[in-house]
Amino acid sequence: MAQQDTAGFLPKHGNYEGLKCYRKAEIVYDLTQVFCARFLKRGDRTIDQMVQAARSGKQT
């Protein structure tokens, strides 16, 4: 009989930071902040919206 993979999707201790999708979302968030700081005017509502959307993607 074949041995079953008991590790599952996430290890028991979590480690969601190790998932590829989380690491990619973190990169998108960081790049969004850099983009906004470099190309948009300070105090612009667009900055808030972009950063909030990137943060939301990271937390989902």
Protein backbone atom coordinates (compact mmCIF):
# COMPACT_ATOMS: atom_id res chain seq x y z
CA MET A 1 0.00 0.00 0.00
CA ALA A 2 1.32 3.47 -0.90
CA GLN A 3 2.17 5.86 1.89
CA GLN A 4 -0.17 8.86 2.09
CA ASP A 5 1.14 12.39 2.25
CA THR A 6 0.17 13.48 5.74
CA ALA A 7 1.76 16.93 5.54
CA GLY A 8 -1.37 18.48 4.00
CA PHE A 9 -1.57 21.90 2.43
CA LEU A 10 -0.24 23.76 5.46
CA PRO A 11 1.95 22.32 8.18
CA LYS A 12 0.36 22.19 11.64
CA HIS A 13 2.30 25.24 12.76
CA GLY A 14 0.98 27.34 9.86
CA ASN A 15 3.92 28.94 8.03
CA TYR A 16 1.73 30.76 5.54
CA GLU A 17 4.68 33.12 4.98
CA GLY A 18 6.44 30.27 3.19
CA LEU A 19 3.74 29.90 0.54
CA LYS A 20 4.67 31.14 -2.92
CA CYS A 21 1.41 33.06 -3.29
CA TYR A 22 2.05 34.92 -0.02
CA ARG A 23 5.63 35.79 -0.98
CA LYS A 24 4.47 37.07 -4.37
CA ALA A 25 1.71 39.15 -2.77
CA GLU A 26 4.29 40.61 -0.40
CA ILE A 27 6.48 41.61 -3.37
CA VAL A 28 3.49 43.25 -5.09
CA TYR A 29 2.74 45.18 -1.90
CA ASP A 30 6.34 46.36 -1.56
CA LEU A 31 6.57 47.37 -5.22
CA THR A 32 3.26 49.23 -5.00
CA GLN A 33 4.61 51.32 -2.14
CA VAL A 34 7.82 52.09 -4.04
CA PHE A 35 5.87 52.99 -7.20
CA CYS A 36 3.53 55.32 -5.30
CA ALA A 37 6.39 57.04 -3.50
CA ARG A 38 8.28 57.56 -6.75
CA PHE A 39 5.60 58.49 -9.28
CA LEU A 40 2.60 59.91 -7.42
CA LYS A 41 2.21 63.18 -5.56
CA ARG A 42 2.18 63.03 -1.80
CA GLY A 43 -1.33 63.24 -0.33
CA ASP A 44 -2.95 61.86 -3.48
CA ARG A 45 -5.94 59.61 -2.73
CA THR A 46 -4.75 57.23 -5.44
CA ILE A 47 -1.81 56.28 -3.23
CA ASP A 48 -4.12 55.22 -0.42
CA GLN A 49 -6.29 53.20 -2.77
CA MET A 50 -3.37 51.41 -4.40
CA VAL A 51 -1.66 50.57 -1.12
CA GLN A 52 -4.91 49.37 0.44
CA ALA A 53 -5.60 47.13 -2.56
CA ALA A 54 -2.10 45.65 -2.41
CA ARG A 55 -2.43 45.10 1.35
CA SER A 56 -5.79 43.42 0.83
CA GLY A 57 -4.26 41.05 -1.72
CA LYS A 58 -1.54 40.16 0.74
CA GLN A 59 -4.01 39.45 3.54
CA THR A 60 -6.40 37.35 1.48
